[in-house]
Structures are given as structure tokens and as C-alpha cells.
PDB file of all heavy atoms in Angstrom:
ATOM      1  N   PHE A   1     143.512 148.740  26.092  1.00  0.00           N
ATOM      2  CA  PHE A   1     143.669 147.419  26.792  1.00  0.00           C
ATOM      3  C   PHE A   1     142.507 146.454  26.352  1.00  0.00           C
ATOM      4  O   PHE A   1     142.722 145.199  26.211  1.00  0.00           O
ATOM      5  CB  PHE A   1     143.794 147.559  28.247  1.00  0.00           C
ATOM      6  CG  PHE A   1     145.014 148.140  28.760  1.00  0.00           C
ATOM      7  CD1 PHE A   1     145.027 149.137  29.682  1.00  0.00           C
ATOM      8  CD2 PHE A   1     146.225 147.750  28.210  1.00  0.00           C
ATOM      9  CE1 PHE A   1     146.207 149.748  30.101  1.00  0.00           C
ATOM     10  CE2 PHE A   1     147.489 148.285  28.710  1.00  0.00           C
ATOM     11  CZ  PHE A   1     147.484 149.278  29.616  1.00  0.00           C
ATOM     12  N   LEU A   2     141.322 147.014  26.316  1.00  0.00           N
ATOM     13  CA  LEU A   2     140.182 146.198  25.890  1.00  0.00           C
ATOM     14  C   LEU A   2     140.364 145.468  24.585  1.00  0.00           C
ATOM     15  O   LEU A   2     140.264 144.236  24.448  1.00  0.00           O
ATOM     16  CB  LEU A   2     138.894 147.073  25.868  1.00  0.00           C
ATOM     17  CG  LEU A   2     137.562 146.349  25.668  1.00  0.00           C
ATOM     18  CD1 LEU A   2     136.469 147.170  26.270  1.00  0.00           C
ATOM     19  CD2 LEU A   2     137.239 146.210  24.215  1.00  0.00           C
ATOM     20  N   HIS A   3     140.780 146.207  23.592  1.00  0.00           N
ATOM     21  CA  HIS A   3     141.031 145.719  22.195  1.00  0.00           C
ATOM     22  C   HIS A   3     142.208 144.733  22.219  1.00  0.00           C
ATOM     23  O   HIS A   3     142.139 143.735  21.593  1.00  0.00           O
ATOM     24  CB  HIS A   3     141.166 146.804  21.204  1.00  0.00           C
ATOM     25  CG  HIS A   3     139.960 147.616  20.963  1.00  0.00           C
ATOM     26  ND1 HIS A   3     138.761 147.110  20.449  1.00  0.00           N
ATOM     27  CD2 HIS A   3     139.669 148.923  21.232  1.00  0.00           C
ATOM     28  CE1 HIS A   3     137.858 148.042  20.319  1.00  0.00           C
ATOM     29  NE2 HIS A   3     138.404 149.174  20.814  1.00  0.00           N
ATOM     30  N   ARG A   4     143.213 145.121  22.980  1.00  0.00           N
ATOM     31  CA  ARG A   4     144.410 144.278  23.035  1.00  0.00           C
ATOM     32  C   ARG A   4     144.140 142.905  23.567  1.00  0.00           C
ATOM     33  O   ARG A   4     144.556 141.837  23.014  1.00  0.00           O
ATOM     34  CB  ARG A   4     145.447 144.972  23.889  1.00  0.00           C
ATOM     35  CG  ARG A   4     146.704 144.194  24.118  1.00  0.00           C
ATOM     36  CD  ARG A   4     147.707 144.991  24.949  1.00  0.00           C
ATOM     37  NE  ARG A   4     148.910 144.272  25.331  1.00  0.00           N
ATOM     38  CZ  ARG A   4     149.815 144.743  26.101  1.00  0.00           C
ATOM     39  NH1 ARG A   4     149.764 146.031  26.553  1.00  0.00           N
ATOM     40  NH2 ARG A   4     150.883 144.046  26.399  1.00  0.00           N
ATOM     41  N   TYR A   5     143.403 142.823  24.745  1.00  0.00           N
ATOM     42  CA  TYR A   5     143.187 141.601  25.386  1.00  0.00           C
ATOM     43  C   TYR A   5     141.984 140.819  24.827  1.00  0.00           C
ATOM     44  O   TYR A   5     141.941 139.565  24.926  1.00  0.00           O
ATOM     45  CB  TYR A   5     143.005 141.740  26.900  1.00  0.00           C
ATOM     46  CG  TYR A   5     144.396 142.118  27.576  1.00  0.00           C
ATOM     47  CD1 TYR A   5     144.613 143.426  28.053  1.00  0.00           C
ATOM     48  CD2 TYR A   5     145.392 141.204  27.526  1.00  0.00           C
ATOM     49  CE1 TYR A   5     145.824 143.717  28.656  1.00  0.00           C
ATOM     50  CE2 TYR A   5     146.650 141.536  28.116  1.00  0.00           C
ATOM     51  CZ  TYR A   5     146.838 142.767  28.642  1.00  0.00           C
ATOM     52  OH  TYR A   5     148.019 143.028  29.203  1.00  0.00           O
ATOM     53  N   ALA A   6     141.025 141.495  24.241  1.00  0.00           N
ATOM     54  CA  ALA A   6     139.952 140.820  23.510  1.00  0.00           C
ATOM     55  C   ALA A   6     140.527 140.044  22.307  1.00  0.00           C
ATOM     56  O   ALA A   6     140.131 138.909  22.052  1.00  0.00           O
ATOM     57  CB  ALA A   6     138.920 141.810  23.067  1.00  0.00           C
ATOM     58  N   GLU A   7     141.463 140.608  21.661  1.00  0.00           N
ATOM     59  CA  GLU A   7     142.120 139.968  20.484  1.00  0.00           C
ATOM     60  C   GLU A   7     142.889 138.759  20.986  1.00  0.00           C
ATOM     61  O   GLU A   7     142.934 137.728  20.396  1.00  0.00           O
ATOM     62  CB  GLU A   7     142.983 140.997  19.705  1.00  0.00           C
ATOM     63  CG  GLU A   7     143.688 140.357  18.503  1.00  0.00           C
ATOM     64  CD  GLU A   7     144.491 141.365  17.752  1.00  0.00           C
ATOM     65  OE1 GLU A   7     144.397 142.627  18.047  1.00  0.00           O
ATOM     66  OE2 GLU A   7     145.207 140.925  16.758  1.00  0.00           O
ATOM     67  N   LEU A   8     143.679 138.992  22.158  1.00  0.00           N
ATOM     68  CA  LEU A   8     144.476 137.974  22.687  1.00  0.00           C
ATOM     69  C   LEU A   8     143.708 136.706  23.003  1.00  0.00           C
ATOM     70  O   LEU A   8     144.181 135.569  22.797  1.00  0.00           O
ATOM     71  CB  LEU A   8     145.280 138.472  23.855  1.00  0.00           C
ATOM     72  CG  LEU A   8     146.111 137.467  24.606  1.00  0.00           C
ATOM     73  CD1 LEU A   8     147.326 137.042  23.768  1.00  0.00           C
ATOM     74  CD2 LEU A   8     146.675 138.088  25.945  1.00  0.00           C
ATOM     75  N   HIS A   9     142.560 136.930  23.638  1.00  0.00           N
ATOM     76  CA  HIS A   9     141.728 135.861  24.096  1.00  0.00           C
ATOM     77  C   HIS A   9     140.595 135.471  23.110  1.00  0.00           C
ATOM     78  O   HIS A   9     139.713 134.648  23.488  1.00  0.00           O
ATOM     79  CB  HIS A   9     141.139 136.188  25.484  1.00  0.00           C
ATOM     80  CG  HIS A   9     142.136 136.333  26.580  1.00  0.00           C
ATOM     81  ND1 HIS A   9     142.883 135.240  27.056  1.00  0.00           N
ATOM     82  CD2 HIS A   9     142.666 137.454  27.175  1.00  0.00           C
ATOM     83  CE1 HIS A   9     143.662 135.672  28.022  1.00  0.00           C
ATOM     84  NE2 HIS A   9     143.592 137.001  28.040  1.00  0.00           N
ATOM     85  N   HIS A  10     140.597 136.034  21.950  1.00  0.00           N
ATOM     86  CA  HIS A  10     139.680 135.689  20.854  1.00  0.00           C
ATOM     87  C   HIS A  10     138.203 135.871  21.314  1.00  0.00           C
ATOM     88  O   HIS A  10     137.339 134.989  21.178  1.00  0.00           O
ATOM     89  CB  HIS A  10     139.859 134.188  20.388  1.00  0.00           C
ATOM     90  CG  HIS A  10     141.295 133.982  20.060  1.00  0.00           C
ATOM     91  ND1 HIS A  10     141.878 134.455  18.881  1.00  0.00           N
ATOM     92  CD2 HIS A  10     142.212 133.180  20.573  1.00  0.00           C
ATOM     93  CE1 HIS A  10     143.081 134.080  18.782  1.00  0.00           C
ATOM     94  NE2 HIS A  10     143.362 133.321  19.778  1.00  0.00           N
ATOM     95  N   LYS A  11     137.922 137.048  21.957  1.00  0.00           N
ATOM     96  CA  LYS A  11     136.581 137.324  22.445  1.00  0.00           C
ATOM     97  C   LYS A  11     136.050 138.555  21.758  1.00  0.00           C
ATOM     98  O   LYS A  11     136.770 139.485  21.450  1.00  0.00           O
ATOM     99  CB  LYS A  11     136.595 137.574  23.981  1.00  0.00           C
ATOM    100  CG  LYS A  11     137.047 136.333  24.777  1.00  0.00           C
ATOM    101  CD  LYS A  11     136.759 136.483  26.248  1.00  0.00           C
ATOM    102  CE  LYS A  11     135.217 136.447  26.561  1.00  0.00           C
ATOM    103  NZ  LYS A  11     135.004 136.338  28.001  1.00  0.00           N
ATOM    104  N   THR A  12     134.751 138.554  21.505  1.00  0.00           N
ATOM    105  CA  THR A  12     134.104 139.653  20.862  1.00  0.00           C
ATOM    106  C   THR A  12     133.486 140.531  21.845  1.00  0.00           C
ATOM    107  O   THR A  12     132.435 140.305  22.438  1.00  0.00           O
ATOM    108  CB  THR A  12     132.939 139.041  19.865  1.00  0.00           C
ATOM    109  OG1 THR A  12     133.518 138.234  18.900  1.00  0.00           O
ATOM    110  CG2 THR A  12     132.318 140.336  19.161  1.00  0.00           C
ATOM    111  N   ILE A  13     134.214 141.619  22.179  1.00  0.00           N
ATOM    112  CA  ILE A  13     133.740 142.600  23.151  1.00  0.00           C
ATOM    113  C   ILE A  13     133.611 143.952  22.437  1.00  0.00           C
ATOM    114  O   ILE A  13     134.590 144.468  21.872  1.00  0.00           O
ATOM    115  CB  ILE A  13     134.751 142.796  24.267  1.00  0.00           C
ATOM    116  CG1 ILE A  13     135.057 141.394  24.969  1.00  0.00           C
ATOM    117  CG2 ILE A  13     134.234 143.746  25.360  1.00  0.00           C
ATOM    118  CD1 ILE A  13     133.927 140.777  25.705  1.00  0.00           C
ATOM    119  N   SER A  14     132.390 144.475  22.430  1.00  0.00           N
ATOM    120  CA  SER A  14     132.138 145.713  21.680  1.00  0.00           C
ATOM    121  C   SER A  14     132.498 146.956  22.455  1.00  0.00           C
ATOM    122  O   SER A  14     132.726 148.107  21.863  1.00  0.00           O
ATOM    123  CB  SER A  14     130.644 145.835  21.302  1.00  0.00           C
ATOM    124  OG  SER A  14     129.809 145.815  22.495  1.00  0.00           O
ATOM    125  N   GLY A  15     132.670 146.866  23.785  1.00  0.00           N
ATOM    126  CA  GLY A  15     133.024 148.094  24.549  1.00  0.00           C
ATOM    127  C   GLY A  15     132.589 147.919  25.965  1.00  0.00           C
ATOM    128  O   GLY A  15     132.456 146.756  26.486  1.00  0.00           O
ATOM    129  N   MET A  16     132.361 148.980  26.649  1.00  0.00           N
ATOM    130  CA  MET A  16     131.949 149.064  28.048  1.00  0.00           C
ATOM    131  C   MET A  16     130.668 149.767  28.265  1.00  0.00           C
ATOM    132  O   MET A  16     130.333 150.714  27.516  1.00  0.00           O
ATOM    133  CB  MET A  16     133.059 149.772  28.893  1.00  0.00           C
ATOM    134  CG  MET A  16     134.433 149.102  28.833  1.00  0.00           C
ATOM    135  SD  MET A  16     135.657 150.116  29.658  1.00  0.00           S
ATOM    136  CE  MET A  16     135.908 151.389  28.426  1.00  0.00           C
ATOM    137  N   SER A  17     129.836 149.219  29.170  1.00  0.00           N
ATOM    138  CA  SER A  17     128.551 149.867  29.413  1.00  0.00           C
ATOM    139  C   SER A  17     128.754 151.247  30.015  1.00  0.00           C
ATOM    140  O   SER A  17     129.860 151.560  30.493  1.00  0.00           O
ATOM    141  CB  SER A  17     127.723 149.084  30.420  1.00  0.00           C
ATOM    142  OG  SER A  17     128.261 149.049  31.693  1.00  0.00           O
ATOM    143  N   GLU A  18     127.710 152.118  29.993  1.00  0.00           N
ATOM    144  CA  GLU A  18     127.805 153.407  30.491  1.00  0.00           C
ATOM    145  C   GLU A  18     128.137 153.413  32.008  1.00  0.00           C
ATOM    146  O   GLU A  18     128.876 154.245  32.559  1.00  0.00           O
ATOM    147  CB  GLU A  18     126.543 154.203  30.248  1.00  0.00           C
ATOM    148  CG  GLU A  18     126.659 155.712  30.699  1.00  0.00           C
ATOM    149  CD  GLU A  18     125.417 156.454  30.310  1.00  0.00           C
ATOM    150  OE1 GLU A  18     124.525 155.948  29.550  1.00  0.00           O
ATOM    151  OE2 GLU A  18     125.225 157.629  30.772  1.00  0.00           O
ATOM    152  N   ALA A  19     127.503 152.430  32.718  1.00  0.00           N
ATOM    153  CA  ALA A  19     127.690 152.284  34.151  1.00  0.00           C
ATOM    154  C   ALA A  19     129.157 151.927  34.429  1.00  0.00           C
ATOM    155  O   ALA A  19     129.801 152.427  35.356  1.00  0.00           O
ATOM    156  CB  ALA A  19     126.799 151.258  34.730  1.00  0.00           C
ATOM    157  N   ALA A  20     129.775 151.096  33.597  1.00  0.00           N
ATOM    158  CA  ALA A  20     131.140 150.657  33.802  1.00  0.00           C
ATOM    159  C   ALA A  20     132.078 151.849  33.494  1.00  0.00           C
ATOM    160  O   ALA A  20     133.017 152.042  34.293  1.00  0.00           O
ATOM    161  CB  ALA A  20     131.466 149.501  32.806  1.00  0.00           C
ATOM    162  N   GLN A  21     131.763 152.584  32.512  1.00  0.00           N
ATOM    163  CA  GLN A  21     132.617 153.823  32.253  1.00  0.00           C
ATOM    164  C   GLN A  21     132.583 154.816  33.361  1.00  0.00           C
ATOM    165  O   GLN A  21     133.524 155.379  33.785  1.00  0.00           O
ATOM    166  CB  GLN A  21     132.174 154.480  30.900  1.00  0.00           C
ATOM    167  CG  GLN A  21     132.406 153.610  29.677  1.00  0.00           C
ATOM    168  CD  GLN A  21     131.942 154.284  28.442  1.00  0.00           C
ATOM    169  OE1 GLN A  21     132.408 155.347  28.095  1.00  0.00           O
ATOM    170  NE2 GLN A  21     131.077 153.629  27.693  1.00  0.00           N
ATOM    171  N   ASN A  22     131.347 155.018  33.861  1.00  0.00           N
ATOM    172  CA  ASN A  22     131.245 155.966  35.006  1.00  0.00           C
ATOM    173  C   ASN A  22     131.920 155.482  36.185  1.00  0.00           C
ATOM    174  O   ASN A  22     132.603 156.287  36.977  1.00  0.00           O
ATOM    175  CB  ASN A  22     129.720 156.246  35.317  1.00  0.00           C
ATOM    176  CG  ASN A  22     128.975 157.064  34.290  1.00  0.00           C
ATOM    177  OD1 ASN A  22     129.603 157.811  33.584  1.00  0.00           O
ATOM    178  ND2 ASN A  22     127.722 156.861  34.153  1.00  0.00           N
ATOM    179  N   ALA A  23     131.886 154.178  36.523  1.00  0.00           N
ATOM    180  CA  ALA A  23     132.592 153.634  37.713  1.00  0.00           C
ATOM    181  C   ALA A  23     134.065 153.813  37.507  1.00  0.00           C
ATOM    182  O   ALA A  23     134.790 154.158  38.446  1.00  0.00           O
ATOM    183  CB  ALA A  23     132.213 152.122  37.803  1.00  0.00           C
ATOM    184  N   MET A  24     134.569 153.624  36.284  1.00  0.00           N
ATOM    185  CA  MET A  24     136.050 153.819  36.045  1.00  0.00           C
ATOM    186  C   MET A  24     136.459 155.254  36.228  1.00  0.00           C
ATOM    187  O   MET A  24     137.542 155.558  36.788  1.00  0.00           O
ATOM    188  CB  MET A  24     136.370 153.354  34.598  1.00  0.00           C
ATOM    189  CG  MET A  24     136.166 151.769  34.473  1.00  0.00           C
ATOM    190  SD  MET A  24     136.486 151.293  32.780  1.00  0.00           S
ATOM    191  CE  MET A  24     138.197 151.657  32.616  1.00  0.00           C
ATOM    192  N   LEU A  25     135.586 156.159  35.803  1.00  0.00           N
ATOM    193  CA  LEU A  25     135.920 157.585  35.987  1.00  0.00           C
ATOM    194  C   LEU A  25     135.871 158.073  37.393  1.00  0.00           C
ATOM    195  O   LEU A  25     136.640 158.934  37.774  1.00  0.00           O
ATOM    196  CB  LEU A  25     134.991 158.416  35.154  1.00  0.00           C
ATOM    197  CG  LEU A  25     135.163 158.329  33.630  1.00  0.00           C
ATOM    198  CD1 LEU A  25     133.988 159.083  32.873  1.00  0.00           C
ATOM    199  CD2 LEU A  25     136.470 158.939  33.160  1.00  0.00           C
ATOM    200  N   ASN A  26     135.096 157.358  38.204  1.00  0.00           N
ATOM    201  CA  ASN A  26     134.939 157.778  39.639  1.00  0.00           C
ATOM    202  C   ASN A  26     135.848 157.051  40.492  1.00  0.00           C
ATOM    203  O   ASN A  26     136.031 157.431  41.659  1.00  0.00           O
ATOM    204  CB  ASN A  26     133.488 157.542  40.036  1.00  0.00           C
ATOM    205  CG  ASN A  26     132.487 158.514  39.436  1.00  0.00           C
ATOM    206  OD1 ASN A  26     132.804 159.705  39.327  1.00  0.00           O
ATOM    207  ND2 ASN A  26     131.400 158.037  39.040  1.00  0.00           N
ATOM    208  N   TYR A  27     136.521 155.978  40.033  1.00  0.00           N
ATOM    209  CA  TYR A  27     137.428 155.150  40.836  1.00  0.00           C
ATOM    210  C   TYR A  27     138.783 155.900  41.004  1.00  0.00           C
ATOM    211  O   TYR A  27     139.218 156.563  40.060  1.00  0.00           O
ATOM    212  CB  TYR A  27     137.580 153.808  40.249  1.00  0.00           C
ATOM    213  CG  TYR A  27     138.319 152.814  41.094  1.00  0.00           C
ATOM    214  CD1 TYR A  27     137.920 152.465  42.314  1.00  0.00           C
ATOM    215  CD2 TYR A  27     139.570 152.245  40.634  1.00  0.00           C
ATOM    216  CE1 TYR A  27     138.585 151.495  43.110  1.00  0.00           C
ATOM    217  CE2 TYR A  27     140.186 151.288  41.376  1.00  0.00           C
ATOM    218  CZ  TYR A  27     139.696 150.945  42.647  1.00  0.00           C
ATOM    219  OH  TYR A  27     140.451 150.014  43.390  1.00  0.00           O
ATOM    220  N   ARG A  28     139.505 155.739  42.085  1.00  0.00           N
ATOM    221  CA  ARG A  28     140.712 156.486  42.375  1.00  0.00           C
ATOM    222  C   ARG A  28     141.939 155.794  41.759  1.00  0.00           C
ATOM    223  O   ARG A  28     142.981 156.394  41.580  1.00  0.00           O
ATOM    224  CB  ARG A  28     140.919 156.604  43.874  1.00  0.00           C
ATOM    225  CG  ARG A  28     139.897 157.408  44.617  1.00  0.00           C
ATOM    226  CD  ARG A  28     140.032 158.872  44.316  1.00  0.00           C
ATOM    227  NE  ARG A  28     141.147 159.429  44.804  1.00  0.00           N
ATOM    228  CZ  ARG A  28     141.597 160.668  44.531  1.00  0.00           C
ATOM    229  NH1 ARG A  28     140.970 161.423  43.634  1.00  0.00           N
ATOM    230  NH2 ARG A  28     142.706 161.096  45.117  1.00  0.00           N
ATOM    231  N   TRP A  29     141.870 154.544  41.370  1.00  0.00           N
ATOM    232  CA  TRP A  29     142.998 153.798  40.739  1.00  0.00           C
ATOM    233  C   TRP A  29     144.253 154.026  41.518  1.00  0.00           C
ATOM    234  O   TRP A  29     145.264 154.567  41.009  1.00  0.00           O
ATOM    235  CB  TRP A  29     143.209 154.319  39.310  1.00  0.00           C
ATOM    236  CG  TRP A  29     141.994 153.958  38.461  1.00  0.00           C
ATOM    237  CD1 TRP A  29     141.128 154.859  37.906  1.00  0.00           C
ATOM    238  CD2 TRP A  29     141.543 152.661  38.045  1.00  0.00           C
ATOM    239  NE1 TRP A  29     140.130 154.233  37.198  1.00  0.00           N
ATOM    240  CE2 TRP A  29     140.331 152.867  37.250  1.00  0.00           C
ATOM    241  CE3 TRP A  29     142.006 151.339  38.301  1.00  0.00           C
ATOM    242  CZ2 TRP A  29     139.666 151.790  36.728  1.00  0.00           C
ATOM    243  CZ3 TRP A  29     141.295 150.265  37.738  1.00  0.00           C
ATOM    244  CH2 TRP A  29     140.088 150.535  36.999  1.00  0.00           C
ATOM    245  N   PRO A  30     144.347 153.484  42.743  1.00  0.00           N
ATOM    246  CA  PRO A  30     145.639 153.603  43.498  1.00  0.00           C
ATOM    247  C   PRO A  30     146.861 152.919  42.885  1.00  0.00           C
ATOM    248  O   PRO A  30     147.986 153.325  43.103  1.00  0.00           O
ATOM    249  CB  PRO A  30     145.295 152.960  44.808  1.00  0.00           C
ATOM    250  CG  PRO A  30     144.141 152.007  44.585  1.00  0.00           C
ATOM    251  CD  PRO A  30     143.360 152.679  43.480  1.00  0.00           C
ATOM    252  N   GLY A  31     146.572 151.921  42.008  1.00  0.00           N
ATOM    253  CA  GLY A  31     147.703 151.198  41.327  1.00  0.00           C
ATOM    254  C   GLY A  31     147.923 151.825  39.959  1.00  0.00           C
ATOM    255  O   GLY A  31     148.706 151.208  39.156  1.00  0.00           O
ATOM    256  N   ASN A  32     147.237 152.842  39.545  1.00  0.00           N
ATOM    257  CA  ASN A  32     147.447 153.614  38.308  1.00  0.00           C
ATOM    258  C   ASN A  32     147.171 152.713  37.065  1.00  0.00           C
ATOM    259  O   ASN A  32     146.396 151.811  37.114  1.00  0.00           O
ATOM    260  CB  ASN A  32     148.743 154.247  38.306  1.00  0.00           C
ATOM    261  CG  ASN A  32     148.809 155.454  39.275  1.00  0.00           C
ATOM    262  OD1 ASN A  32     148.111 156.376  39.153  1.00  0.00           O
ATOM    263  ND2 ASN A  32     149.626 155.307  40.382  1.00  0.00           N
ATOM    264  N   VAL A  33     147.991 152.978  36.035  1.00  0.00           N
ATOM    265  CA  VAL A  33     147.753 152.266  34.740  1.00  0.00           C
ATOM    266  C   VAL A  33     147.924 150.756  34.891  1.00  0.00           C
ATOM    267  O   VAL A  33     147.205 149.964  34.187  1.00  0.00           O
ATOM    268  CB  VAL A  33     148.610 152.888  33.625  1.00  0.00           C
ATOM    269  CG1 VAL A  33     148.331 152.150  32.300  1.00  0.00           C
ATOM    270  CG2 VAL A  33     148.303 154.328  33.399  1.00  0.00           C
ATOM    271  N   ARG A  34     148.861 150.368  35.652  1.00  0.00           N
ATOM    272  CA  ARG A  34     149.158 148.970  35.845  1.00  0.00           C
ATOM    273  C   ARG A  34     147.959 148.247  36.443  1.00  0.00           C
ATOM    274  O   ARG A  34     147.591 147.157  36.012  1.00  0.00           O
ATOM    275  CB  ARG A  34     150.341 148.793  36.767  1.00  0.00           C
ATOM    276  CG  ARG A  34     150.781 147.321  36.963  1.00  0.00           C
ATOM    277  CD  ARG A  34     152.009 147.145  37.863  1.00  0.00           C
ATOM    278  NE  ARG A  34     153.140 147.897  37.329  1.00  0.00           N
ATOM    279  CZ  ARG A  34     153.982 148.604  38.134  1.00  0.00           C
ATOM    280  NH1 ARG A  34     153.847 148.589  39.391  1.00  0.00           N
ATOM    281  NH2 ARG A  34     154.996 149.169  37.572  1.00  0.00           N
ATOM    282  N   GLN A  35     147.270 148.855  37.411  1.00  0.00           N
ATOM    283  CA  GLN A  35     146.025 148.331  37.936  1.00  0.00           C
ATOM    284  C   GLN A  35     144.928 148.297  36.967  1.00  0.00           C
ATOM    285  O   GLN A  35     144.150 147.337  36.871  1.00  0.00           O
ATOM    286  CB  GLN A  35     145.620 149.147  39.286  1.00  0.00           C
ATOM    287  CG  GLN A  35     144.371 148.548  39.920  1.00  0.00           C
ATOM    288  CD  GLN A  35     143.861 149.392  40.990  1.00  0.00           C
ATOM    289  OE1 GLN A  35     144.120 150.629  41.096  1.00  0.00           O
ATOM    290  NE2 GLN A  35     142.989 148.840  41.822  1.00  0.00           N
ATOM    291  N   LEU A  36     144.790 149.372  36.197  1.00  0.00           N
ATOM    292  CA  LEU A  36     143.794 149.431  35.130  1.00  0.00           C
ATOM    293  C   LEU A  36     143.987 148.303  34.089  1.00  0.00           C
ATOM    294  O   LEU A  36     143.003 147.642  33.732  1.00  0.00           O
ATOM    295  CB  LEU A  36     143.841 150.823  34.430  1.00  0.00           C
ATOM    296  CG  LEU A  36     142.959 150.997  33.224  1.00  0.00           C
ATOM    297  CD1 LEU A  36     141.470 150.858  33.560  1.00  0.00           C
ATOM    298  CD2 LEU A  36     143.235 152.361  32.570  1.00  0.00           C
ATOM    299  N   GLU A  37     145.144 148.122  33.701  1.00  0.00           N
ATOM    300  CA  GLU A  37     145.424 146.981  32.792  1.00  0.00           C
ATOM    301  C   GLU A  37     145.031 145.652  33.429  1.00  0.00           C
ATOM    302  O   GLU A  37     144.420 144.871  32.690  1.00  0.00           O
ATOM    303  CB  GLU A  37     146.921 146.907  32.360  1.00  0.00           C
ATOM    304  CG  GLU A  37     147.202 145.860  31.411  1.00  0.00           C
ATOM    305  CD  GLU A  37     148.731 145.860  31.044  1.00  0.00           C
ATOM    306  OE1 GLU A  37     149.517 146.605  31.595  1.00  0.00           O
ATOM    307  OE2 GLU A  37     149.057 145.006  30.064  1.00  0.00           O
ATOM    308  N   ASN A  38     145.338 145.438  34.607  1.00  0.00           N
ATOM    309  CA  ASN A  38     144.991 144.228  35.303  1.00  0.00           C
ATOM    310  C   ASN A  38     143.486 144.011  35.353  1.00  0.00           C
ATOM    311  O   ASN A  38     143.010 142.893  35.054  1.00  0.00           O
ATOM    312  CB  ASN A  38     145.618 144.289  36.659  1.00  0.00           C
ATOM    313  CG  ASN A  38     145.242 143.051  37.514  1.00  0.00           C
ATOM    314  OD1 ASN A  38     144.146 142.873  37.960  1.00  0.00           O
ATOM    315  ND2 ASN A  38     146.144 142.156  37.664  1.00  0.00           N
ATOM    316  N   ARG A  39     142.741 145.064  35.655  1.00  0.00           N
ATOM    317  CA  ARG A  39     141.258 144.874  35.749  1.00  0.00           C
ATOM    318  C   ARG A  39     140.644 144.703  34.406  1.00  0.00           C
ATOM    319  O   ARG A  39     139.689 143.928  34.334  1.00  0.00           O
ATOM    320  CB  ARG A  39     140.724 146.198  36.520  1.00  0.00           C
ATOM    321  CG  ARG A  39     141.147 146.364  37.901  1.00  0.00           C
ATOM    322  CD  ARG A  39     140.836 145.150  38.811  1.00  0.00           C
ATOM    323  NE  ARG A  39     141.401 145.109  40.069  1.00  0.00           N
ATOM    324  CZ  ARG A  39     140.877 145.710  41.134  1.00  0.00           C
ATOM    325  NH1 ARG A  39     139.722 146.310  41.090  1.00  0.00           N
ATOM    326  NH2 ARG A  39     141.528 145.651  42.264  1.00  0.00           N
ATOM    327  N   ILE A  40     141.100 145.391  33.375  1.00  0.00           N
ATOM    328  CA  ILE A  40     140.538 145.252  32.060  1.00  0.00           C
ATOM    329  C   ILE A  40     140.871 143.814  31.539  1.00  0.00           C
ATOM    330  O   ILE A  40     139.956 143.138  30.977  1.00  0.00           O
ATOM    331  CB  ILE A  40     141.101 146.264  31.041  1.00  0.00           C
ATOM    332  CG1 ILE A  40     140.559 147.712  31.466  1.00  0.00           C
ATOM    333  CG2 ILE A  40     140.666 145.928  29.692  1.00  0.00           C
ATOM    334  CD1 ILE A  40     139.095 147.879  31.362  1.00  0.00           C
ATOM    335  N   HIS A  41     142.067 143.368  31.772  1.00  0.00           N
ATOM    336  CA  HIS A  41     142.398 142.001  31.274  1.00  0.00           C
ATOM    337  C   HIS A  41     141.522 140.933  31.997  1.00  0.00           C
ATOM    338  O   HIS A  41     141.016 140.057  31.333  1.00  0.00           O
ATOM    339  CB  HIS A  41     143.897 141.787  31.683  1.00  0.00           C
ATOM    340  CG  HIS A  41     144.435 140.479  30.986  1.00  0.00           C
ATOM    341  ND1 HIS A  41     145.793 140.106  31.166  1.00  0.00           N
ATOM    342  CD2 HIS A  41     143.869 139.553  30.336  1.00  0.00           C
ATOM    343  CE1 HIS A  41     146.027 139.026  30.530  1.00  0.00           C
ATOM    344  NE2 HIS A  41     144.863 138.634  29.976  1.00  0.00           N
TER     345      HIS A  41
END
């Protein structure tokens, strides 16, 4: 989703910080992939 929406919005995003990745791995994501897509967008 990061690459998809970075390209859509013409933004140069190299990735996610380690803290952001750890937060994502520890989050429960009650809305599943749909919620993940929303948050990344």
C-alpha cells in the first residue's frame, strides 16, 4: 500500500521507521486489511 499510494500522490517515501514497523506488528488491527490500507493511505 505504501508504494501504491506514494505513487498515486507523487510522494517520495522510502519506507517506514523501525518504531512504526514495531507499532504495526503490535497493533491488533480490528478492521483488518481494510483498516491497514486506510491508515497507510
